[in-house]
C-alpha cells in the first residue's frame, strides 16, 4: 500500500507539473507585449487569402461608435506577430476612431501555411489585400475608406500592395525595410556579384538537402540568446526588443525561432518596389528614425514614389523605437494622415 501511495503521489505531482508547464506555455502564447486598452473591443478573426491560406488577426473596434467607420490593416515587423508591434499600432489607432486589423502573416504566428517560418514577396503582399477583403465586407466598415500600415519589412509589402490594389486609399510605413533589396544586395547595397552568386549556389544546393530530408532546414537563430557586447548596434537594438520582456513573444520568429535556410530565395530576384510610382495619386507616408540603420530604405522609397508623398524623420530615434515606444511613434500624425486621406 505504501508503494502504491508513493507511485500515485509521483504520478500526481508529474501530472500537475506537466499541466502547469502547459498552462505556462499557453499563457505565454496568449501574452500581449503591450497593455490592453478598455477603450476598444478586441476580437480574434480569421479569413483566407487568395492562395487559400487561413490568416488570423485581431480586430480592434472603438467603443461607443455608430455608423460605418474607416479601417486600417496593419502588419509587421518581419518575423513578428500580431501580439507585438502591429497590435500596439492597431489598438492605439482604434482608440482614435478607426476599425483596425492586426494580422499574422502567412506561415507565421497563428496563421496557416506549411512549411512554417517562410516568407514570400508575393504572398505577404497578398496578405494585406486579403485583410482589405475581410475589412471591406464588415457591416461596420466603410469599404471606400480603407488604408494600410506596414512596419519594418512589412512596410515594403504594404507599398507593393498599395501599388497593385487600388482599393487601398492610403498607405503608411514605419521603419520600412525593402526585403527584396536587402536580401539581394545586402545592407547599403554592399554585396558584390561574386558574393551574391556564391550565396545563390549554396542555397541552390540546400534545396537538394531539404528534398532528401523531406523538410526544409532551419537557419541558426537570427538573434543570439545573450549579448556579448561586440555585436553591431542594430543587433543590440533588436535584442533589446525581441529577446527581453519588452517585446518577447513565444510565437515570434525573431524572439523564439528562425527562418528556413532557403527563405531568402524568392526575395533575391523579385523586387517589390518596382511599381511604387503607381500608388499615386493615392498618398504615401514614410516614417523613419533619424538614427535608424534602415533609414535609407524610407528615404529611397520617398525619392522613387510620386506625389502626394511625405517623409517624416523622427529625431534621435532608432529602428526599434518605432516598434513600441509610445513617446516616439507619431500616432497623432498617423491619425491626421488617414483621417485626411480616407475619404
C-alpha atoms as a PDB file:
ATOM      1  CA  UNK A   1       0.000   0.000   0.000  1.00  0.00           C
ATOM      2  CA  UNK A   2       2.847   2.351   0.835  1.00  0.00           C
ATOM      3  CA  UNK A   3       4.475   1.759  -2.586  1.00  0.00           C
ATOM      4  CA  UNK A   4       1.153   2.294  -4.324  1.00  0.00           C
ATOM      5  CA  UNK A   5       0.658   5.541  -2.424  1.00  0.00           C
ATOM      6  CA  UNK A   6       4.147   6.790  -3.361  1.00  0.00           C
ATOM      7  CA  UNK A   7       3.638   5.819  -7.012  1.00  0.00           C
ATOM      8  CA  UNK A   8       0.259   7.576  -7.069  1.00  0.00           C
ATOM      9  CA  UNK A   9       1.800  10.655  -5.450  1.00  0.00           C
ATOM     10  CA  UNK A  10       4.644  10.732  -8.019  1.00  0.00           C
ATOM     11  CA  UNK A  11       2.190  10.415 -10.918  1.00  0.00           C
ATOM     12  CA  UNK A  12       0.018  13.171  -9.405  1.00  0.00           C
ATOM     13  CA  UNK A  13       2.999  15.513  -8.988  1.00  0.00           C
ATOM     14  CA  UNK A  14       4.280  14.791 -12.510  1.00  0.00           C
ATOM     15  CA  UNK A  15       0.796  15.306 -13.955  1.00  0.00           C
ATOM     16  CA  UNK A  16       0.357  18.590 -12.119  1.00  0.00           C
ATOM     17  CA  UNK A  17       3.841  19.701 -13.192  1.00  0.00           C
ATOM     18  CA  UNK A  18       3.075  18.922 -16.850  1.00  0.00           C
ATOM     19  CA  UNK A  19      -0.276  20.711 -16.580  1.00  0.00           C
ATOM     20  CA  UNK A  20       1.393  23.733 -15.011  1.00  0.00           C
ATOM     21  CA  UNK A  21       4.014  23.761 -17.757  1.00  0.00           C
ATOM     22  CA  UNK A  22       1.320  23.547 -20.444  1.00  0.00           C
ATOM     23  CA  UNK A  23      -0.597  26.341 -18.746  1.00  0.00           C
ATOM     24  CA  UNK A  24       2.557  28.483 -18.659  1.00  0.00           C
ATOM     25  CA  UNK A  25       3.172  27.912 -22.377  1.00  0.00           C
ATOM     26  CA  UNK A  26      -0.468  28.764 -23.124  1.00  0.00           C
ATOM     27  CA  UNK A  27      -0.187  31.962 -21.088  1.00  0.00           C
ATOM     28  CA  UNK A  28       2.983  32.946 -22.921  1.00  0.00           C
ATOM     29  CA  UNK A  29       1.309  32.270 -26.274  1.00  0.00           C
ATOM     30  CA  UNK A  30      -1.681  34.461 -25.341  1.00  0.00           C
ATOM     31  CA  UNK A  31       0.588  37.199 -23.984  1.00  0.00           C
ATOM     32  CA  UNK A  32       0.439  40.691 -25.489  1.00  0.00           C
ATOM     33  CA  UNK A  33       3.581  42.786 -25.283  1.00  0.00           C
ATOM     34  CA  UNK A  34       1.591  45.937 -24.568  1.00  0.00           C
ATOM     35  CA  UNK A  35      -1.079  46.888 -22.047  1.00  0.00           C
ATOM     36  CA  UNK A  36      -4.550  46.191 -23.390  1.00  0.00           C
ATOM     37  CA  UNK A  37      -6.969  49.107 -23.560  1.00  0.00           C
ATOM     38  CA  UNK A  38     -10.513  49.321 -22.194  1.00  0.00           C
ATOM     39  CA  UNK A  39     -11.398  51.932 -24.824  1.00  0.00           C
ATOM     40  CA  UNK A  40     -11.677  49.331 -27.590  1.00  0.00           C
ATOM     41  CA  UNK A  41     -13.008  45.837 -28.046  1.00  0.00           C
ATOM     42  CA  UNK A  42     -10.664  43.193 -29.438  1.00  0.00           C
ATOM     43  CA  UNK A  43     -11.791  40.016 -31.123  1.00  0.00           C
ATOM     44  CA  UNK A  44      -9.934  37.228 -32.862  1.00  0.00           C
ATOM     45  CA  UNK A  45     -10.904  36.808 -36.515  1.00  0.00           C
ATOM     46  CA  UNK A  46      -9.918  34.540 -39.371  1.00  0.00           C
ATOM     47  CA  UNK A  47     -10.098  34.850 -43.142  1.00  0.00           C
ATOM     48  CA  UNK A  48      -8.398  33.363 -46.199  1.00  0.00           C
ATOM     49  CA  UNK A  49      -6.054  34.917 -48.702  1.00  0.00           C
ATOM     50  CA  UNK A  50      -6.106  34.312 -52.445  1.00  0.00           C
ATOM     51  CA  UNK A  51      -3.906  31.233 -52.014  1.00  0.00           C
ATOM     52  CA  UNK A  52      -6.305  29.577 -49.588  1.00  0.00           C
ATOM     53  CA  UNK A  53      -4.128  30.182 -46.530  1.00  0.00           C
ATOM     54  CA  UNK A  54      -6.104  30.910 -43.382  1.00  0.00           C
ATOM     55  CA  UNK A  55      -4.961  34.131 -41.758  1.00  0.00           C
ATOM     56  CA  UNK A  56      -5.560  35.019 -38.122  1.00  0.00           C
ATOM     57  CA  UNK A  57      -5.942  38.554 -36.897  1.00  0.00           C
ATOM     58  CA  UNK A  58      -7.091  40.715 -34.020  1.00  0.00           C
ATOM     59  CA  UNK A  59      -9.854  43.157 -34.897  1.00  0.00           C
ATOM     60  CA  UNK A  60      -9.900  46.311 -32.769  1.00  0.00           C
ATOM     61  CA  UNK A  61     -13.147  48.300 -32.649  1.00  0.00           C
ATOM     62  CA  UNK A  62     -13.545  51.615 -30.810  1.00  0.00           C
ATOM     63  CA  UNK A  63     -16.292  51.600 -28.199  1.00  0.00           C
ATOM     64  CA  UNK A  64     -19.366  53.826 -28.330  1.00  0.00           C
ATOM     65  CA  UNK A  65     -19.289  54.493 -32.058  1.00  0.00           C
ATOM     66  CA  UNK A  66     -22.062  54.340 -34.623  1.00  0.00           C
ATOM     67  CA  UNK A  67     -22.255  54.008 -38.377  1.00  0.00           C
ATOM     68  CA  UNK A  68     -19.585  52.856 -40.805  1.00  0.00           C
ATOM     69  CA  UNK A  69     -16.003  53.665 -39.838  1.00  0.00           C
ATOM     70  CA  UNK A  70     -12.731  53.985 -41.757  1.00  0.00           C
ATOM     71  CA  UNK A  71     -10.460  50.957 -41.354  1.00  0.00           C
ATOM     72  CA  UNK A  72      -6.785  50.011 -41.435  1.00  0.00           C
ATOM     73  CA  UNK A  73      -4.966  46.704 -41.927  1.00  0.00           C
ATOM     74  CA  UNK A  74      -1.629  46.550 -40.099  1.00  0.00           C
ATOM     75  CA  UNK A  75       1.207  44.033 -40.169  1.00  0.00           C
ATOM     76  CA  UNK A  76       4.867  43.708 -39.281  1.00  0.00           C
ATOM     77  CA  UNK A  77       7.636  43.778 -38.342  1.00  0.00           C
ATOM     78  CA  UNK A  78       9.167  40.988 -40.432  1.00  0.00           C
ATOM     79  CA  UNK A  79       9.303  37.948 -38.154  1.00  0.00           C
ATOM     80  CA  UNK A  80       6.901  39.397 -35.574  1.00  0.00           C
ATOM     81  CA  UNK A  81       3.330  38.519 -34.587  1.00  0.00           C
ATOM     82  CA  UNK A  82       0.134  40.472 -34.019  1.00  0.00           C
ATOM     83  CA  UNK A  83       0.632  40.455 -30.263  1.00  0.00           C
ATOM     84  CA  UNK A  84       3.690  42.672 -30.740  1.00  0.00           C
ATOM     85  CA  UNK A  85       4.043  45.944 -32.685  1.00  0.00           C
ATOM     86  CA  UNK A  86       1.145  45.588 -35.129  1.00  0.00           C
ATOM     87  CA  UNK A  87      -1.274  45.012 -32.269  1.00  0.00           C
ATOM     88  CA  UNK A  88       0.049  48.040 -30.421  1.00  0.00           C
ATOM     89  CA  UNK A  89      -0.479  50.184 -33.532  1.00  0.00           C
ATOM     90  CA  UNK A  90      -3.926  48.709 -34.129  1.00  0.00           C
ATOM     91  CA  UNK A  91      -5.064  49.357 -30.573  1.00  0.00           C
ATOM     92  CA  UNK A  92      -3.801  52.934 -30.405  1.00  0.00           C
ATOM     93  CA  UNK A  93      -5.301  53.913 -33.746  1.00  0.00           C
ATOM     94  CA  UNK A  94      -8.597  52.194 -32.895  1.00  0.00           C
ATOM     95  CA  UNK A  95      -8.738  54.399 -29.804  1.00  0.00           C
ATOM     96  CA  UNK A  96      -8.738  57.322 -32.236  1.00  0.00           C
ATOM     97  CA  UNK A  97     -11.859  56.177 -34.103  1.00  0.00           C
ATOM     98  CA  UNK A  98     -10.734  53.614 -36.697  1.00  0.00           C
ATOM     99  CA  UNK A  99     -11.514  49.928 -37.007  1.00  0.00           C
ATOM    100  CA  UNK A 100      -8.133  48.227 -37.229  1.00  0.00           C
ATOM    101  CA  UNK A 101      -6.963  44.726 -38.046  1.00  0.00           C
ATOM    102  CA  UNK A 102      -3.566  43.450 -36.873  1.00  0.00           C
ATOM    103  CA  UNK A 103      -2.737  40.234 -38.697  1.00  0.00           C
ATOM    104  CA  UNK A 104      -0.285  37.367 -38.536  1.00  0.00           C
ATOM    105  CA  UNK A 105       1.255  36.888 -41.998  1.00  0.00           C
ATOM    106  CA  UNK A 106       1.071  33.570 -43.826  1.00  0.00           C
ATOM    107  CA  UNK A 107       3.260  30.782 -42.412  1.00  0.00           C
ATOM    108  CA  UNK A 108       3.803  32.593 -39.109  1.00  0.00           C
ATOM    109  CA  UNK A 109       2.095  33.156 -35.773  1.00  0.00           C
ATOM    110  CA  UNK A 110      -1.410  31.730 -35.589  1.00  0.00           C
ATOM    111  CA  UNK A 111      -1.926  31.948 -39.345  1.00  0.00           C
ATOM    112  CA  UNK A 112      -1.829  28.873 -41.557  1.00  0.00           C
ATOM    113  CA  UNK A 113       0.560  27.735 -44.241  1.00  0.00           C
ATOM    114  CA  UNK A 114       3.107  24.951 -44.449  1.00  0.00           C
ATOM    115  CA  UNK A 115       6.026  24.694 -44.033  1.00  0.00           C
ATOM    116  CA  UNK A 116       6.348  27.170 -41.201  1.00  0.00           C
ATOM    117  CA  UNK A 117       8.716  30.113 -40.928  1.00  0.00           C
ATOM    118  CA  UNK A 118       8.879  31.083 -44.581  1.00  0.00           C
ATOM    119  CA  UNK A 119       8.064  34.385 -46.263  1.00  0.00           C
ATOM    120  CA  UNK A 120       7.221  35.418 -49.804  1.00  0.00           C
ATOM    121  CA  UNK A 121       7.224  38.824 -51.514  1.00  0.00           C
ATOM    122  CA  UNK A 122       4.092  37.769 -53.385  1.00  0.00           C
ATOM    123  CA  UNK A 123       2.143  36.002 -50.638  1.00  0.00           C
ATOM    124  CA  UNK A 124       2.962  38.562 -47.945  1.00  0.00           C
ATOM    125  CA  UNK A 125       1.825  41.330 -50.289  1.00  0.00           C
ATOM    126  CA  UNK A 126      -1.353  39.313 -50.854  1.00  0.00           C
ATOM    127  CA  UNK A 127      -1.861  39.078 -47.068  1.00  0.00           C
ATOM    128  CA  UNK A 128      -2.539  42.834 -46.996  1.00  0.00           C
ATOM    129  CA  UNK A 129      -5.068  42.576 -49.820  1.00  0.00           C
ATOM    130  CA  UNK A 130      -6.760  39.646 -48.081  1.00  0.00           C
ATOM    131  CA  UNK A 131      -7.097  41.832 -44.981  1.00  0.00           C
ATOM    132  CA  UNK A 132      -8.702  44.511 -47.162  1.00  0.00           C
ATOM    133  CA  UNK A 133     -11.087  41.814 -48.487  1.00  0.00           C
ATOM    134  CA  UNK A 134     -12.086  40.999 -44.918  1.00  0.00           C
ATOM    135  CA  UNK A 135     -12.476  44.592 -43.756  1.00  0.00           C
ATOM    136  CA  UNK A 136     -14.489  45.557 -46.815  1.00  0.00           C
ATOM    137  CA  UNK A 137     -17.256  43.049 -46.109  1.00  0.00           C
ATOM    138  CA  UNK A 138     -17.759  44.068 -42.477  1.00  0.00           C
ATOM    139  CA  UNK A 139     -21.021  45.918 -41.870  1.00  0.00           C
ATOM    140  CA  UNK A 140     -19.260  48.434 -39.612  1.00  0.00           C
ATOM    141  CA  UNK A 141     -16.568  49.359 -42.159  1.00  0.00           C
ATOM    142  CA  UNK A 142     -16.810  51.929 -44.937  1.00  0.00           C
ATOM    143  CA  UNK A 143     -15.105  49.965 -47.713  1.00  0.00           C
ATOM    144  CA  UNK A 144     -14.247  53.181 -49.530  1.00  0.00           C
ATOM    145  CA  UNK A 145     -12.127  54.266 -46.571  1.00  0.00           C
ATOM    146  CA  UNK A 146      -9.536  51.517 -46.097  1.00  0.00           C
ATOM    147  CA  UNK A 147      -5.802  52.090 -45.655  1.00  0.00           C
ATOM    148  CA  UNK A 148      -2.824  50.006 -44.569  1.00  0.00           C
ATOM    149  CA  UNK A 149       0.236  50.359 -42.345  1.00  0.00           C
ATOM    150  CA  UNK A 150       3.372  48.268 -42.776  1.00  0.00           C
ATOM    151  CA  UNK A 151       6.018  48.108 -40.069  1.00  0.00           C
ATOM    152  CA  UNK A 152       9.663  47.202 -40.826  1.00  0.00           C
ATOM    153  CA  UNK A 153       9.787  44.517 -43.554  1.00  0.00           C
ATOM    154  CA  UNK A 154       6.037  44.718 -43.996  1.00  0.00           C
ATOM    155  CA  UNK A 155       6.463  48.355 -44.941  1.00  0.00           C
ATOM    156  CA  UNK A 156       7.843  47.210 -48.286  1.00  0.00           C
ATOM    157  CA  UNK A 157       4.998  44.721 -48.727  1.00  0.00           C
ATOM    158  CA  UNK A 158       2.493  47.453 -47.850  1.00  0.00           C
ATOM    159  CA  UNK A 159       3.860  49.732 -50.571  1.00  0.00           C
ATOM    160  CA  UNK A 160       3.742  46.849 -53.046  1.00  0.00           C
ATOM    161  CA  UNK A 161       0.163  46.040 -52.031  1.00  0.00           C
ATOM    162  CA  UNK A 162      -0.918  49.664 -52.406  1.00  0.00           C
ATOM    163  CA  UNK A 163       0.610  49.807 -55.880  1.00  0.00           C
ATOM    164  CA  UNK A 164      -1.353  46.784 -57.134  1.00  0.00           C
ATOM    165  CA  UNK A 165      -4.559  47.017 -55.063  1.00  0.00           C
ATOM    166  CA  UNK A 166      -6.455  50.184 -55.944  1.00  0.00           C
ATOM    167  CA  UNK A 167      -8.934  49.681 -53.100  1.00  0.00           C
ATOM    168  CA  UNK A 168      -6.212  50.830 -50.697  1.00  0.00           C
ATOM    169  CA  UNK A 169      -6.768  54.576 -50.391  1.00  0.00           C
ATOM    170  CA  UNK A 170      -3.659  55.486 -48.373  1.00  0.00           C
ATOM    171  CA  UNK A 171      -0.527  53.732 -47.108  1.00  0.00           C
ATOM    172  CA  UNK A 172       1.903  54.488 -44.288  1.00  0.00           C
ATOM    173  CA  UNK A 173       5.106  52.737 -43.259  1.00  0.00           C
ATOM    174  CA  UNK A 174       7.306  52.931 -40.174  1.00  0.00           C
ATOM    175  CA  UNK A 175      10.959  51.786 -40.004  1.00  0.00           C
ATOM    176  CA  UNK A 176      10.462  50.422 -43.511  1.00  0.00           C
ATOM    177  CA  UNK A 177      12.658  47.676 -44.939  1.00  0.00           C
ATOM    178  CA  UNK A 178      12.764  46.683 -48.599  1.00  0.00           C
ATOM    179  CA  UNK A 179      13.198  42.944 -48.002  1.00  0.00           C
ATOM    180  CA  UNK A 180      13.978  42.181 -51.628  1.00  0.00           C
ATOM    181  CA  UNK A 181      16.698  44.797 -51.786  1.00  0.00           C
ATOM    182  CA  UNK A 182      18.390  43.878 -48.518  1.00  0.00           C
ATOM    183  CA  UNK A 183      18.396  40.156 -49.347  1.00  0.00           C
ATOM    184  CA  UNK A 184      19.559  40.634 -52.920  1.00  0.00           C
ATOM    185  CA  UNK A 185      22.135  43.360 -52.317  1.00  0.00           C
ATOM    186  CA  UNK A 186      22.935  43.355 -48.593  1.00  0.00           C
ATOM    187  CA  UNK A 187      22.849  46.391 -46.325  1.00  0.00           C
ATOM    188  CA  UNK A 188      23.624  49.600 -48.191  1.00  0.00           C
ATOM    189  CA  UNK A 189      23.867  47.502 -51.383  1.00  0.00           C
ATOM    190  CA  UNK A 190      27.335  46.314 -50.369  1.00  0.00           C
ATOM    191  CA  UNK A 191      27.038  42.726 -51.658  1.00  0.00           C
ATOM    192  CA  UNK A 192      29.220  42.047 -54.681  1.00  0.00           C
ATOM    193  CA  UNK A 193      28.148  39.941 -57.665  1.00  0.00           C
ATOM    194  CA  UNK A 194      30.619  37.270 -56.583  1.00  0.00           C
ATOM    195  CA  UNK A 195      29.150  37.147 -53.075  1.00  0.00           C
ATOM    196  CA  UNK A 196      25.598  37.038 -54.436  1.00  0.00           C
ATOM    197  CA  UNK A 197      26.476  34.209 -56.806  1.00  0.00           C
ATOM    198  CA  UNK A 198      28.125  32.230 -54.016  1.00  0.00           C
ATOM    199  CA  UNK A 199      25.064  32.662 -51.793  1.00  0.00           C
ATOM    200  CA  UNK A 200      22.731  31.506 -54.559  1.00  0.00           C
ATOM    201  CA  UNK A 201      24.925  28.468 -55.245  1.00  0.00           C
ATOM    202  CA  UNK A 202      24.789  27.484 -51.565  1.00  0.00           C
ATOM    203  CA  UNK A 203      21.037  27.988 -51.379  1.00  0.00           C
ATOM    204  CA  UNK A 204      20.502  26.002 -54.563  1.00  0.00           C
ATOM    205  CA  UNK A 205      22.410  23.042 -53.105  1.00  0.00           C
ATOM    206  CA  UNK A 206      20.452  23.406 -49.855  1.00  0.00           C
ATOM    207  CA  UNK A 207      17.284  22.643 -51.803  1.00  0.00           C
ATOM    208  CA  UNK A 208      18.621  19.148 -52.614  1.00  0.00           C
ATOM    209  CA  UNK A 209      19.450  18.626 -48.945  1.00  0.00           C
ATOM    210  CA  UNK A 210      15.937  19.691 -47.971  1.00  0.00           C
ATOM    211  CA  UNK A 211      14.459  17.400 -50.624  1.00  0.00           C
ATOM    212  CA  UNK A 212      16.475  14.440 -49.335  1.00  0.00           C
ATOM    213  CA  UNK A 213      15.461  15.162 -45.733  1.00  0.00           C
ATOM    214  CA  UNK A 214      11.831  15.770 -46.608  1.00  0.00           C
ATOM    215  CA  UNK A 215      11.713  19.024 -44.665  1.00  0.00           C
ATOM    216  CA  UNK A 216      13.349  22.452 -45.008  1.00  0.00           C
ATOM    217  CA  UNK A 217      16.287  23.087 -42.704  1.00  0.00           C
ATOM    218  CA  UNK A 218      16.031  25.989 -40.300  1.00  0.00           C
ATOM    219  CA  UNK A 219      18.720  28.627 -40.240  1.00  0.00           C
ATOM    220  CA  UNK A 220      20.531  29.423 -36.978  1.00  0.00           C
ATOM    221  CA  UNK A 221      18.599  31.835 -34.785  1.00  0.00           C
ATOM    222  CA  UNK A 222      18.798  35.336 -36.124  1.00  0.00           C
ATOM    223  CA  UNK A 223      19.396  36.801 -32.683  1.00  0.00           C
ATOM    224  CA  UNK A 224      21.720  35.420 -30.009  1.00  0.00           C
ATOM    225  CA  UNK A 225      20.344  34.291 -26.658  1.00  0.00           C
ATOM    226  CA  UNK A 226      22.827  36.571 -24.954  1.00  0.00           C
ATOM    227  CA  UNK A 227      24.529  39.797 -25.961  1.00  0.00           C
ATOM    228  CA  UNK A 228      28.327  39.746 -25.716  1.00  0.00           C
ATOM    229  CA  UNK A 229      28.775  43.454 -26.337  1.00  0.00           C
ATOM    230  CA  UNK A 230      30.688  43.373 -29.622  1.00  0.00           C
ATOM    231  CA  UNK A 231      27.623  42.970 -31.858  1.00  0.00           C
ATOM    232  CA  UNK A 232      26.582  45.673 -34.345  1.00  0.00           C
ATOM    233  CA  UNK A 233      24.438  48.341 -32.709  1.00  0.00           C
ATOM    234  CA  UNK A 234      21.299  47.394 -34.616  1.00  0.00           C
ATOM    235  CA  UNK A 235      21.614  43.768 -33.428  1.00  0.00           C
ATOM    236  CA  UNK A 236      21.744  45.034 -29.836  1.00  0.00           C
ATOM    237  CA  UNK A 237      18.621  47.082 -30.519  1.00  0.00           C
ATOM    238  CA  UNK A 238      16.766  44.098 -31.994  1.00  0.00           C
ATOM    239  CA  UNK A 239      17.827  42.003 -28.998  1.00  0.00           C
ATOM    240  CA  UNK A 240      16.534  44.654 -26.606  1.00  0.00           C
ATOM    241  CA  UNK A 241      13.096  44.354 -28.172  1.00  0.00           C
ATOM    242  CA  UNK A 242      12.656  40.726 -29.219  1.00  0.00           C
ATOM    243  CA  UNK A 243      14.640  38.865 -26.568  1.00  0.00           C
ATOM    244  CA  UNK A 244      13.645  40.757 -23.442  1.00  0.00           C
ATOM    245  CA  UNK A 245      10.397  41.186 -21.560  1.00  0.00           C
ATOM    246  CA  UNK A 246       9.867  44.377 -23.549  1.00  0.00           C
ATOM    247  CA  UNK A 247       8.851  42.568 -26.736  1.00  0.00           C
ATOM    248  CA  UNK A 248       9.392  38.798 -26.393  1.00  0.00           C
ATOM    249  CA  UNK A 249       6.626  36.558 -27.683  1.00  0.00           C
ATOM    250  CA  UNK A 250       6.626  32.780 -27.860  1.00  0.00           C
ATOM    251  CA  UNK A 251       5.258  32.680 -31.419  1.00  0.00           C
ATOM    252  CA  UNK A 252       7.520  35.396 -32.793  1.00  0.00           C
ATOM    253  CA  UNK A 253      10.215  34.053 -35.117  1.00  0.00           C
ATOM    254  CA  UNK A 254      12.550  36.854 -34.070  1.00  0.00           C
ATOM    255  CA  UNK A 255      12.003  36.110 -30.388  1.00  0.00           C
ATOM    256  CA  UNK A 256      11.961  32.359 -30.340  1.00  0.00           C
ATOM    257  CA  UNK A 257      12.887  30.785 -33.667  1.00  0.00           C
ATOM    258  CA  UNK A 258      14.430  31.200 -37.092  1.00  0.00           C
ATOM    259  CA  UNK A 259      13.540  31.284 -40.763  1.00  0.00           C
ATOM    260  CA  UNK A 260      14.242  28.389 -43.084  1.00  0.00           C
ATOM    261  CA  UNK A 261      17.693  28.431 -44.698  1.00  0.00           C
ATOM    262  CA  UNK A 262      16.192  28.886 -48.163  1.00  0.00           C
ATOM    263  CA  UNK A 263      13.715  31.560 -47.095  1.00  0.00           C
ATOM    264  CA  UNK A 264      15.602  34.355 -48.850  1.00  0.00           C
ATOM    265  CA  UNK A 265      15.494  32.698 -52.294  1.00  0.00           C
ATOM    266  CA  UNK A 266      12.269  34.285 -53.529  1.00  0.00           C
ATOM    267  CA  UNK A 267      13.468  37.749 -52.489  1.00  0.00           C
ATOM    268  CA  UNK A 268      16.730  37.547 -54.422  1.00  0.00           C
ATOM    269  CA  UNK A 269      15.274  38.357 -57.834  1.00  0.00           C
ATOM    270  CA  UNK A 270      11.759  39.657 -57.156  1.00  0.00           C
ATOM    271  CA  UNK A 271      11.997  43.384 -56.356  1.00  0.00           C
ATOM    272  CA  UNK A 272       8.870  44.626 -54.584  1.00  0.00           C
ATOM    273  CA  UNK A 273       9.079  48.376 -55.168  1.00  0.00           C
ATOM    274  CA  UNK A 274       9.277  48.332 -58.970  1.00  0.00           C
ATOM    275  CA  UNK A 275       5.834  49.895 -59.324  1.00  0.00           C
ATOM    276  CA  UNK A 276       5.876  52.262 -56.343  1.00  0.00           C
ATOM    277  CA  UNK A 277       5.073  55.204 -58.647  1.00  0.00           C
ATOM    278  CA  UNK A 278       1.690  53.611 -59.363  1.00  0.00           C
ATOM    279  CA  UNK A 279       0.490  54.252 -55.815  1.00  0.00           C
ATOM    280  CA  UNK A 280      -0.079  57.847 -56.923  1.00  0.00           C
ATOM    281  CA  UNK A 281      -2.456  59.713 -56.816  1.00  0.00           C
ATOM    282  CA  UNK A 282      -3.119  57.960 -53.519  1.00  0.00           C
ATOM    283  CA  UNK A 283      -0.920  59.299 -50.688  1.00  0.00           C
ATOM    284  CA  UNK A 284       2.143  57.713 -49.087  1.00  0.00           C
ATOM    285  CA  UNK A 285       3.566  58.493 -45.633  1.00  0.00           C
ATOM    286  CA  UNK A 286       7.017  57.116 -44.776  1.00  0.00           C
ATOM    287  CA  UNK A 287       8.226  57.377 -41.163  1.00  0.00           C
ATOM    288  CA  UNK A 288      11.765  56.536 -40.041  1.00  0.00           C
ATOM    289  CA  UNK A 289      14.065  57.185 -37.127  1.00  0.00           C
ATOM    290  CA  UNK A 290      16.885  59.688 -37.538  1.00  0.00           C
ATOM    291  CA  UNK A 291      19.437  57.188 -36.214  1.00  0.00           C
ATOM    292  CA  UNK A 292      17.853  54.051 -37.671  1.00  0.00           C
ATOM    293  CA  UNK A 293      20.162  51.769 -39.671  1.00  0.00           C
ATOM    294  CA  UNK A 294      17.169  51.274 -42.004  1.00  0.00           C
ATOM    295  CA  UNK A 295      16.540  54.966 -42.653  1.00  0.00           C
ATOM    296  CA  UNK A 296      17.865  54.829 -46.213  1.00  0.00           C
ATOM    297  CA  UNK A 297      15.098  52.435 -47.275  1.00  0.00           C
ATOM    298  CA  UNK A 298      12.441  55.041 -46.457  1.00  0.00           C
ATOM    299  CA  UNK A 299      14.447  57.866 -48.000  1.00  0.00           C
ATOM    300  CA  UNK A 300      14.953  55.961 -51.260  1.00  0.00           C
ATOM    301  CA  UNK A 301      11.306  54.882 -51.374  1.00  0.00           C
ATOM    302  CA  UNK A 302      10.311  58.503 -50.904  1.00  0.00           C
ATOM    303  CA  UNK A 303      12.512  59.542 -53.846  1.00  0.00           C
ATOM    304  CA  UNK A 304      11.019  56.826 -56.044  1.00  0.00           C
ATOM    305  CA  UNK A 305       7.363  57.484 -55.176  1.00  0.00           C
ATOM    306  CA  UNK A 306       5.236  60.111 -56.878  1.00  0.00           C
ATOM    307  CA  UNK A 307       3.197  62.816 -55.184  1.00  0.00           C
ATOM    308  CA  UNK A 308       1.378  63.020 -52.879  1.00  0.00           C
ATOM    309  CA  UNK A 309       4.069  61.720 -50.543  1.00  0.00           C
ATOM    310  CA  UNK A 310       5.632  62.644 -47.243  1.00  0.00           C
ATOM    311  CA  UNK A 311       8.780  61.579 -45.406  1.00  0.00           C
ATOM    312  CA  UNK A 312       8.812  62.044 -41.637  1.00  0.00           C
ATOM    313  CA  UNK A 313      12.113  61.601 -39.775  1.00  0.00           C
ATOM    314  CA  UNK A 314      11.790  61.173 -36.013  1.00  0.00           C
ATOM    315  CA  UNK A 315      14.670  62.956 -34.223  1.00  0.00           C
ATOM    316  CA  UNK A 316      17.146  60.701 -32.378  1.00  0.00           C
ATOM    317  CA  UNK A 317      15.004  57.580 -32.878  1.00  0.00           C
ATOM    318  CA  UNK A 318      16.455  54.198 -33.844  1.00  0.00           C
ATOM    319  CA  UNK A 319      14.752  51.467 -35.860  1.00  0.00           C
ATOM    320  CA  UNK A 320      13.059  49.596 -32.989  1.00  0.00           C
ATOM    321  CA  UNK A 321      11.876  52.775 -31.240  1.00  0.00           C
ATOM    322  CA  UNK A 322       9.046  52.796 -33.784  1.00  0.00           C
ATOM    323  CA  UNK A 323       8.050  49.284 -32.723  1.00  0.00           C
ATOM    324  CA  UNK A 324       6.649  50.142 -29.310  1.00  0.00           C
ATOM    325  CA  UNK A 325       7.757  53.444 -27.811  1.00  0.00           C
ATOM    326  CA  UNK A 326       4.576  55.426 -27.271  1.00  0.00           C
ATOM    327  CA  UNK A 327       6.589  58.614 -26.807  1.00  0.00           C
ATOM    328  CA  UNK A 328       8.218  58.140 -30.221  1.00  0.00           C
ATOM    329  CA  UNK A 329       5.600  56.619 -32.546  1.00  0.00           C
ATOM    330  CA  UNK A 330       3.715  59.585 -34.088  1.00  0.00           C
ATOM    331  CA  UNK A 331       0.166  58.286 -33.623  1.00  0.00           C
ATOM    332  CA  UNK A 332      -1.244  61.791 -33.925  1.00  0.00           C
ATOM    333  CA  UNK A 333       0.438  62.172 -37.305  1.00  0.00           C
ATOM    334  CA  UNK A 334      -0.826  58.765 -38.471  1.00  0.00           C
ATOM    335  CA  UNK A 335      -4.340  59.680 -37.339  1.00  0.00           C
ATOM    336  CA  UNK A 336      -4.181  63.007 -39.151  1.00  0.00           C
ATOM    337  CA  UNK A 337      -2.847  61.348 -42.312  1.00  0.00           C
ATOM    338  CA  UNK A 338      -5.535  58.682 -42.517  1.00  0.00           C
ATOM    339  CA  UNK A 339      -8.367  60.981 -41.390  1.00  0.00           C
ATOM    340  CA  UNK A 340      -7.476  63.369 -44.197  1.00  0.00           C
ATOM    341  CA  UNK A 341      -6.972  60.777 -46.907  1.00  0.00           C
ATOM    342  CA  UNK A 342      -9.580  58.105 -46.217  1.00  0.00           C
ATOM    343  CA  UNK A 343     -12.457  59.972 -47.738  1.00  0.00           C
END
